[in-house]
């Protein structure tokens, strides 16, 4: 027998502007997991080496938290909890070295462990330090390390959880977070078939309830409340239809991204290279077929630690003999370049066949300043060694056909791109 929450979940999944469709099913969400995890590992290294510093701005933590905050609406504002508030002296992990090291131990423990019990124990240890201003918002970072074991945490998610369960979870307290996590696991288990093993799906549902997009289901024995609630659901559906333009704009953005990948695919083939398309984009529709049609089904031998991240690079050109990666392309239409740069680093520094490969960030003409600003971040200090080049859309569009007909090797692309 269907419950009110079952009905709500069905409406939520059918709503194109719900977090389920706009974030949980968003390809970039999955592509960012490894880069965020790697960023957290860099934070730990910096603290252990004594090079983290005593400020949020310019630190490796700012870089990785900024990437989390760019994960569309559900994590918007995730960086607020980590911004240094001098009058309150919070969060106290910048000026207090002991607290800073305790924070690093939490991140390291969660990165190394693989069970819920170990994660909870690590959280209890950090809670025992009573670090002022360092609360359950950290769970938003740990979620990207263990998405099946950790529940994201923010004001809207808490409000949604309280509305659905009748609980009274409060912000800022680890014990309240742990109780919410236990309750969320039970709730997710009850509705697993409609949701996901990834706790992000349930978090998205609770976020939309807590943000006021949906009303929590009423008690089953209150017929009047049930009717009113169903009317509210219908109203949300109507509002979604009216706001459908926003969703179409985002879909158009994805289509543009795919089109650029298609240009690079066809150009690479014309120049005699083997072409690899990001593994999660293989099935995208393009030119009456699939984006990965006629492309490589396996990456070259010599990929080791960075293989999973490298598989997600938008387009890779491989030498005809399959022995070496000739060039790698990350298409940055509208999202942060953080994950793309991390994948480039994994290719260049973590694989045998990626050494000395040409690296290109392919982006709209108006994003050059944004790309350069991102590359100045301290976390990308090694990027200058890679010789990454900026390839504007217009240059690729205007010259790709001529390069395909008369060009050879990478020299034409070098000519129409700019060193960053």
Protein backbone atom coordinates (compact mmCIF):
# COMPACT_ATOMS: atom_id res chain seq x y z
CA UNK A 1 0.00 0.00 0.00
CA UNK A 2 1.38 3.39 -1.00
CA UNK A 3 2.03 5.94 1.72
CA UNK A 4 1.97 9.70 1.50
CA UNK A 5 5.75 9.72 1.25
CA UNK A 6 5.60 7.24 -1.65
CA UNK A 7 3.26 9.60 -3.49
CA UNK A 8 5.52 12.55 -2.73
CA UNK A 9 8.61 10.73 -3.99
CA UNK A 10 6.84 9.94 -7.27
CA UNK A 11 5.89 13.61 -7.73
CA UNK A 12 9.39 14.70 -6.77
CA UNK A 13 11.08 12.40 -9.29
CA UNK A 14 8.74 13.60 -12.05
CA UNK A 15 9.47 17.27 -11.33
CA UNK A 16 12.19 18.48 -13.76
CA UNK A 17 13.25 21.21 -11.30
CA UNK A 18 13.51 18.97 -8.25
CA UNK A 19 16.96 18.23 -6.86
CA UNK A 20 16.50 14.68 -8.13
CA UNK A 21 16.57 15.79 -11.76
CA UNK A 22 18.61 18.98 -11.51
CA UNK A 23 21.34 17.66 -9.17
CA UNK A 24 21.19 13.95 -8.29
CA UNK A 25 21.00 12.81 -11.94
CA UNK A 26 23.42 15.57 -13.07
CA UNK A 27 26.49 14.05 -14.74
CA UNK A 28 28.87 16.58 -13.17
CA UNK A 29 27.83 15.43 -9.68
CA UNK A 30 29.43 12.04 -10.24
CA UNK A 31 32.47 13.48 -11.98
CA UNK A 32 33.28 15.62 -8.95
CA UNK A 33 33.49 12.87 -6.33
CA UNK A 34 37.09 11.89 -6.97
CA UNK A 35 38.33 15.46 -7.33
CA UNK A 36 36.71 16.53 -4.06
CA UNK A 37 38.11 13.49 -2.29
CA UNK A 38 41.55 14.27 -3.67
CA UNK A 39 41.16 17.88 -2.56
CA UNK A 40 40.41 16.77 0.99
CA UNK A 41 43.52 14.60 0.94
CA UNK A 42 45.52 17.70 -0.04
CA UNK A 43 44.08 19.58 2.95
CA UNK A 44 45.32 16.78 5.21
CA UNK A 45 48.78 16.87 3.58
CA UNK A 46 49.03 20.65 3.99
CA UNK A 47 48.08 20.50 7.68
CA UNK A 48 50.48 17.62 8.36
CA UNK A 49 53.29 19.49 6.58
CA UNK A 50 52.57 22.72 8.45
CA UNK A 51 51.88 24.59 5.21
CA UNK A 52 48.12 25.01 5.53
CA UNK A 53 48.46 28.49 7.01
CA UNK A 54 46.08 30.30 9.35
CA UNK A 55 43.46 31.58 6.92
CA UNK A 56 40.63 30.09 4.87
CA UNK A 57 41.21 32.37 1.87
CA UNK A 58 43.84 30.97 -0.42
CA UNK A 59 44.01 27.61 1.35
CA UNK A 60 43.47 24.17 -0.16
CA UNK A 61 40.34 23.95 2.01
CA UNK A 62 38.83 26.97 0.26
CA UNK A 63 39.39 25.30 -3.10
CA UNK A 64 37.71 22.01 -2.24
CA UNK A 65 34.86 23.56 -0.23
CA UNK A 66 34.25 25.93 -3.12
CA UNK A 67 33.88 22.93 -5.41
CA UNK A 68 31.31 21.41 -3.04
CA UNK A 69 29.40 24.70 -2.88
CA UNK A 70 29.13 24.71 -6.67
CA UNK A 71 27.17 21.42 -6.60
CA UNK A 72 23.99 23.27 -7.55
CA UNK A 73 21.24 24.29 -5.13
CA UNK A 74 21.49 21.57 -2.48
CA UNK A 75 25.04 22.58 -1.51
CA UNK A 76 24.78 26.29 -2.24
CA UNK A 77 26.32 28.07 0.72
CA UNK A 78 28.26 25.01 1.91
CA UNK A 79 31.33 27.24 2.22
CA UNK A 80 29.69 29.56 4.76
CA UNK A 81 30.40 27.19 7.65
CA UNK A 82 34.14 27.30 6.88
CA UNK A 83 34.55 31.02 6.31
CA UNK A 84 36.61 32.61 9.09
CA UNK A 85 34.46 34.84 11.30
CA UNK A 86 37.01 36.92 13.22
CA UNK A 87 34.63 38.42 15.80
CA UNK A 88 33.39 34.98 16.84
CA UNK A 89 36.79 33.28 16.28
CA UNK A 90 35.04 30.46 14.40
CA UNK A 91 35.51 27.94 13.03
CA UNK A 92 38.54 27.57 15.26
CA UNK A 93 40.71 25.54 12.90
CA UNK A 94 42.81 28.37 11.52
CA UNK A 95 44.46 29.97 14.54
CA UNK A 96 44.42 26.91 16.81
CA UNK A 97 47.02 24.42 15.55
CA UNK A 98 45.77 21.56 17.73
CA UNK A 99 42.23 21.94 16.44
CA UNK A 100 43.55 22.13 12.91
CA UNK A 101 45.36 18.83 13.35
CA UNK A 102 42.25 17.24 14.88
CA UNK A 103 40.27 18.34 11.82
CA UNK A 104 42.91 16.77 9.56
CA UNK A 105 42.72 13.51 11.53
CA UNK A 106 38.94 13.43 11.01
CA UNK A 107 39.29 13.87 7.24
CA UNK A 108 42.10 11.33 7.05
CA UNK A 109 40.23 8.75 9.16
CA UNK A 110 37.11 9.04 7.01
CA UNK A 111 39.17 8.80 3.83
CA UNK A 112 40.88 5.62 5.01
CA UNK A 113 37.96 3.82 6.65
CA UNK A 114 35.32 1.77 4.88
CA UNK A 115 32.66 1.12 7.51
CA UNK A 116 29.90 3.16 9.12
CA UNK A 117 31.20 2.30 12.59
CA UNK A 118 34.61 3.81 11.85
CA UNK A 119 33.04 6.99 10.45
CA UNK A 120 30.83 7.42 13.50
CA UNK A 121 33.80 6.83 15.78
CA UNK A 122 35.82 9.50 13.94
CA UNK A 123 32.92 11.94 14.29
CA UNK A 124 32.63 11.24 18.00
CA UNK A 125 36.35 11.91 18.41
CA UNK A 126 36.10 15.31 16.74
CA UNK A 127 33.00 16.10 18.79
CA UNK A 128 35.02 15.36 21.92
CA UNK A 129 37.40 18.19 21.03
CA UNK A 130 34.50 20.68 21.21
CA UNK A 131 36.02 22.82 18.46
CA UNK A 132 34.08 26.05 18.36
CA UNK A 133 32.19 26.55 15.12
CA UNK A 134 33.20 23.20 13.59
CA UNK A 135 29.92 21.30 13.46
CA UNK A 136 28.01 18.86 11.27
CA UNK A 137 28.51 20.97 8.15
CA UNK A 138 31.70 18.91 7.82
CA UNK A 139 29.38 16.04 6.85
CA UNK A 140 28.94 17.77 3.48
CA UNK A 141 32.63 17.08 2.83
CA UNK A 142 32.58 13.51 4.14
CA UNK A 143 29.54 12.73 1.97
CA UNK A 144 31.73 13.00 -1.13
CA UNK A 145 34.03 10.35 0.38
CA UNK A 146 31.29 7.95 1.53
CA UNK A 147 28.00 8.77 -0.25
CA UNK A 148 26.33 5.54 0.86
CA UNK A 149 27.22 5.99 4.52
CA UNK A 150 27.07 9.74 5.19
CA UNK A 151 24.10 12.07 5.01
CA UNK A 152 24.62 15.69 3.83
CA UNK A 153 23.62 18.31 6.40
CA UNK A 154 22.28 21.84 6.11
CA UNK A 155 19.37 23.95 7.35
CA UNK A 156 16.91 22.90 4.65
CA UNK A 157 17.75 19.18 4.98
CA UNK A 158 17.26 19.36 8.75
CA UNK A 159 13.95 21.18 8.37
CA UNK A 160 12.79 18.59 5.85
CA UNK A 161 13.84 15.71 8.07
CA UNK A 162 12.03 17.18 11.07
CA UNK A 163 8.90 17.78 8.98
CA UNK A 164 8.83 14.20 7.66
CA UNK A 165 9.69 12.41 10.89
CA UNK A 166 8.35 14.76 13.58
CA UNK A 167 11.86 14.97 15.06
CA UNK A 168 13.53 18.01 16.58
CA UNK A 169 17.05 17.84 15.15
CA UNK A 170 19.00 21.04 15.72
CA UNK A 171 21.82 22.56 13.72
CA UNK A 172 25.35 22.76 15.04
CA UNK A 173 25.36 19.60 17.16
CA UNK A 174 27.11 16.41 16.18
CA UNK A 175 24.91 14.23 18.41
CA UNK A 176 21.82 15.57 16.66
CA UNK A 177 23.47 14.91 13.29
CA UNK A 178 24.22 11.30 14.22
CA UNK A 179 20.63 10.75 15.33
CA UNK A 180 19.40 12.23 12.04
CA UNK A 181 21.79 9.99 10.13
CA UNK A 182 20.40 6.88 11.86
CA UNK A 183 16.82 7.95 11.16
CA UNK A 184 17.69 8.81 7.56
CA UNK A 185 19.19 5.37 6.99
CA UNK A 186 15.98 3.76 8.24
CA UNK A 187 13.90 6.08 6.07
CA UNK A 188 16.07 5.37 3.05
CA UNK A 189 15.83 1.62 3.63
CA UNK A 190 12.02 1.82 3.68
CA UNK A 191 11.97 3.64 0.33
CA UNK A 192 15.18 2.27 -1.25
CA UNK A 193 13.47 1.07 -4.43
CA UNK A 194 12.23 4.59 -5.19
CA UNK A 195 15.35 6.36 -3.95
CA UNK A 196 18.97 5.13 -4.02
CA UNK A 197 21.73 3.49 -2.06
CA UNK A 198 23.41 6.92 -2.37
CA UNK A 199 22.17 9.04 0.56
CA UNK A 200 22.22 12.09 -1.69
CA UNK A 201 18.84 11.14 -3.16
CA UNK A 202 17.10 11.22 0.22
CA UNK A 203 19.01 14.37 1.16
CA UNK A 204 17.71 16.03 -2.01
CA UNK A 205 14.12 15.07 -1.18
CA UNK A 206 14.41 16.41 2.36
CA UNK A 207 16.11 19.55 1.04
CA UNK A 208 13.19 20.29 -1.28
CA UNK A 209 10.75 19.76 1.59
CA UNK A 210 12.78 21.90 3.97
CA UNK A 211 13.21 24.64 1.36
CA UNK A 212 9.43 24.84 1.00
CA UNK A 213 9.08 23.39 -2.47
CA UNK A 214 7.02 20.52 -1.08
CA UNK A 215 4.97 20.00 2.06
CA UNK A 216 5.74 16.95 4.14
CA UNK A 217 3.06 14.20 3.97
CA UNK A 218 0.40 14.51 6.70
CA UNK A 219 -0.72 11.72 8.97
CA UNK A 220 -2.56 9.02 7.04
CA UNK A 221 -5.66 9.22 9.28
CA UNK A 222 -6.24 12.95 8.61
CA UNK A 223 -8.31 12.90 5.40
CA UNK A 224 -8.70 16.68 5.20
CA UNK A 225 -4.97 17.23 5.55
CA UNK A 226 -4.28 14.57 2.92
CA UNK A 227 -6.56 16.33 0.39
CA UNK A 228 -4.95 19.71 1.10
CA UNK A 229 -1.51 18.21 0.74
CA UNK A 230 -2.40 16.60 -2.61
CA UNK A 231 -3.63 20.00 -3.81
CA UNK A 232 -0.28 21.50 -2.79
CA UNK A 233 1.50 18.82 -4.81
CA UNK A 234 -0.52 19.71 -7.88
CA UNK A 235 0.34 23.37 -7.38
CA UNK A 236 4.04 22.51 -7.29
CA UNK A 237 3.62 20.60 -10.54
CA UNK A 238 2.04 23.64 -12.17
CA UNK A 239 4.82 25.89 -10.90
CA UNK A 240 7.35 23.43 -12.29
CA UNK A 241 5.76 23.66 -15.73
CA UNK A 242 5.93 27.46 -15.59
CA UNK A 243 9.60 27.33 -14.62
CA UNK A 244 10.45 24.71 -17.22
CA UNK A 245 12.45 27.26 -19.20
CA UNK A 246 15.19 27.19 -16.60
CA UNK A 247 15.49 23.44 -16.93
CA UNK A 248 15.55 23.70 -20.72
CA UNK A 249 18.37 26.24 -20.47
CA UNK A 250 20.41 23.82 -18.37
CA UNK A 251 19.65 21.03 -20.81
CA UNK A 252 20.77 23.28 -23.66
CA UNK A 253 24.01 23.84 -21.77
CA UNK A 254 24.54 20.07 -21.60
CA UNK A 255 23.78 19.85 -25.33
CA UNK A 256 26.43 22.48 -26.07
CA UNK A 257 28.95 20.54 -23.99
CA UNK A 258 28.16 17.40 -26.00
CA UNK A 259 28.44 19.27 -29.29
CA UNK A 260 31.95 20.48 -28.43
CA UNK A 261 32.92 16.93 -27.47
CA UNK A 262 31.58 15.83 -30.85
CA UNK A 263 33.69 18.43 -32.67
CA UNK A 264 36.78 17.24 -30.85
CA UNK A 265 35.89 13.60 -31.52
CA UNK A 266 35.55 14.14 -35.25
CA UNK A 267 38.63 16.36 -35.45
CA UNK A 268 40.75 13.81 -33.62
CA UNK A 269 39.66 11.04 -35.96
CA UNK A 270 40.41 13.21 -39.00
CA UNK A 271 43.94 13.80 -37.72
CA UNK A 272 44.52 10.07 -37.28
CA UNK A 273 44.26 9.83 -33.51
CA UNK A 274 42.37 7.24 -31.54
CA UNK A 275 39.65 9.04 -29.54
CA UNK A 276 38.37 8.33 -26.05
CA UNK A 277 35.12 9.90 -24.79
CA UNK A 278 34.48 10.31 -21.06
CA UNK A 279 33.07 7.00 -19.83
CA UNK A 280 29.90 8.58 -18.41
CA UNK A 281 29.23 10.35 -21.74
CA UNK A 282 29.48 7.31 -24.03
CA UNK A 283 25.72 7.02 -24.46
CA UNK A 284 24.96 10.69 -25.11
CA UNK A 285 23.06 11.33 -28.33
CA UNK A 286 25.05 13.09 -31.04
CA UNK A 287 24.74 13.40 -34.83
CA UNK A 288 22.08 10.71 -35.07
CA UNK A 289 24.05 8.21 -33.01
CA UNK A 290 25.99 7.94 -29.80
CA UNK A 291 28.82 10.27 -28.84
CA UNK A 292 31.21 7.33 -28.40
CA UNK A 293 30.47 5.77 -31.79
CA UNK A 294 33.70 4.83 -33.53
CA UNK A 295 35.77 5.69 -30.45
CA UNK A 296 38.10 3.65 -28.25
CA UNK A 297 36.49 1.22 -25.83
CA UNK A 298 39.59 0.96 -23.63
CA UNK A 299 42.28 3.39 -22.55
CA UNK A 300 45.94 2.59 -23.29
CA UNK A 301 48.01 0.41 -21.00
CA UNK A 302 50.07 2.30 -18.44
CA UNK A 303 47.18 3.80 -16.49
CA UNK A 304 47.53 3.17 -12.77
CA UNK A 305 46.39 5.27 -9.80
CA UNK A 306 44.64 7.89 -11.89
CA UNK A 307 42.69 5.55 -14.16
CA UNK A 308 39.20 6.21 -12.76
CA UNK A 309 39.59 9.99 -12.94
CA UNK A 310 41.23 9.84 -16.37
CA UNK A 311 38.28 7.83 -17.72
CA UNK A 312 36.14 10.91 -16.99
CA UNK A 313 38.23 13.39 -19.02
CA UNK A 314 35.86 14.75 -21.67
CA UNK A 315 37.95 13.84 -24.73
CA UNK A 316 41.37 12.16 -25.07
CA UNK A 317 43.39 11.76 -28.27
CA UNK A 318 45.71 8.76 -28.37
CA UNK A 319 48.62 8.20 -30.76
CA UNK A 320 47.78 5.83 -33.63
CA UNK A 321 49.93 3.05 -32.17
CA UNK A 322 48.05 3.33 -28.85
CA UNK A 323 51.22 3.84 -26.84
CA UNK A 324 50.74 7.39 -25.61
CA UNK A 325 48.11 10.02 -24.90
CA UNK A 326 48.70 12.84 -27.37
CA UNK A 327 46.20 15.36 -26.00
CA UNK A 328 43.47 15.71 -23.40
CA UNK A 329 40.52 18.11 -23.53
CA UNK A 330 38.23 19.28 -20.74
CA UNK A 331 35.15 21.16 -21.97
CA UNK A 332 34.18 23.76 -19.37
CA UNK A 333 30.92 25.24 -20.66
CA UNK A 334 29.54 26.65 -17.40
CA UNK A 335 30.79 24.58 -14.45
CA UNK A 336 33.84 25.04 -12.26
CA UNK A 337 37.13 23.96 -13.79
CA UNK A 338 38.28 22.41 -10.50
CA UNK A 339 37.40 18.79 -11.32
CA UNK A 340 38.72 19.07 -14.86
CA UNK A 341 42.10 20.31 -13.65
CA UNK A 342 42.33 17.49 -11.11
CA UNK A 343 41.68 14.96 -13.86
CA UNK A 344 44.42 16.57 -15.95
CA UNK A 345 46.81 16.26 -13.02
CA UNK A 346 45.88 12.61 -12.60
CA UNK A 347 46.66 11.97 -16.27
CA UNK A 348 49.96 13.84 -16.30
CA UNK A 349 51.31 12.86 -12.90
CA UNK A 350 49.61 9.55 -12.16
CA UNK A 351 49.97 7.62 -15.41
CA UNK A 352 52.85 6.44 -17.58
CA UNK A 353 51.18 7.26 -20.89
CA UNK A 354 50.07 10.79 -19.95
CA UNK A 355 53.51 12.30 -19.43
CA UNK A 356 54.12 15.31 -21.71
CA UNK A 357 50.63 15.12 -23.19
CA UNK A 358 49.13 18.36 -24.48
CA UNK A 359 46.37 19.67 -22.19
CA UNK A 360 43.52 21.90 -23.34
CA UNK A 361 40.72 23.64 -21.46
CA UNK A 362 38.01 24.24 -24.05
CA UNK A 363 35.64 26.98 -22.91
CA UNK A 364 33.43 29.83 -24.15
CA UNK A 365 35.30 32.95 -25.25
CA UNK A 366 33.97 34.91 -22.26
CA UNK A 367 35.37 32.45 -19.70
CA UNK A 368 39.07 33.17 -20.21
CA UNK A 369 39.34 35.44 -17.17
CA UNK A 370 37.45 32.90 -15.04
CA UNK A 371 39.77 30.11 -16.15
CA UNK A 372 42.89 32.16 -15.40
CA UNK A 373 41.51 33.18 -11.99
CA UNK A 374 40.87 29.55 -11.05
CA UNK A 375 44.35 28.49 -12.15
CA UNK A 376 45.92 31.04 -9.80
CA UNK A 377 44.61 29.14 -6.77
CA UNK A 378 47.44 27.82 -4.55
CA UNK A 379 45.98 24.31 -4.82
CA UNK A 380 46.86 24.36 -8.53
CA UNK A 381 50.51 25.30 -8.05
CA UNK A 382 51.66 22.30 -10.10
CA UNK A 383 49.40 23.16 -13.02
CA UNK A 384 51.99 25.50 -14.53
CA UNK A 385 54.19 22.45 -15.13
CA UNK A 386 51.58 20.94 -17.43
CA UNK A 387 51.47 23.80 -19.92
CA UNK A 388 47.68 23.79 -20.03
CA UNK A 389 46.26 25.80 -22.93
CA UNK A 390 42.96 27.67 -23.26
CA UNK A 391 41.07 26.85 -26.47
CA UNK A 392 38.09 29.21 -27.04
CA UNK A 393 34.95 27.83 -28.63
CA UNK A 394 35.12 30.36 -31.47
CA UNK A 395 38.62 29.32 -32.52
CA UNK A 396 37.65 25.65 -32.54
CA UNK A 397 34.45 26.38 -34.46
CA UNK A 398 36.11 28.59 -37.07
CA UNK A 399 39.13 26.41 -37.78
CA UNK A 400 38.17 22.79 -37.09
CA UNK A 401 37.10 22.00 -40.66
CA UNK A 402 40.28 23.47 -42.17
CA UNK A 403 42.44 21.66 -39.60
CA UNK A 404 40.64 18.39 -40.37
CA UNK A 405 41.30 18.80 -44.12
CA UNK A 406 44.81 20.23 -44.18
CA UNK A 407 46.29 19.86 -40.71
CA UNK A 408 48.47 17.21 -39.11
CA UNK A 409 49.44 16.53 -35.54
CA UNK A 410 48.75 18.99 -32.74
CA UNK A 411 50.47 22.05 -34.21
CA UNK A 412 47.25 23.63 -35.59
CA UNK A 413 45.58 23.38 -32.18
CA UNK A 414 48.61 24.89 -30.51
CA UNK A 415 48.35 27.80 -32.95
CA UNK A 416 44.67 28.59 -32.18
CA UNK A 417 44.96 28.13 -28.40
CA UNK A 418 46.68 30.20 -25.73
CA UNK A 419 49.08 29.12 -23.02
CA UNK A 420 47.79 29.72 -19.49
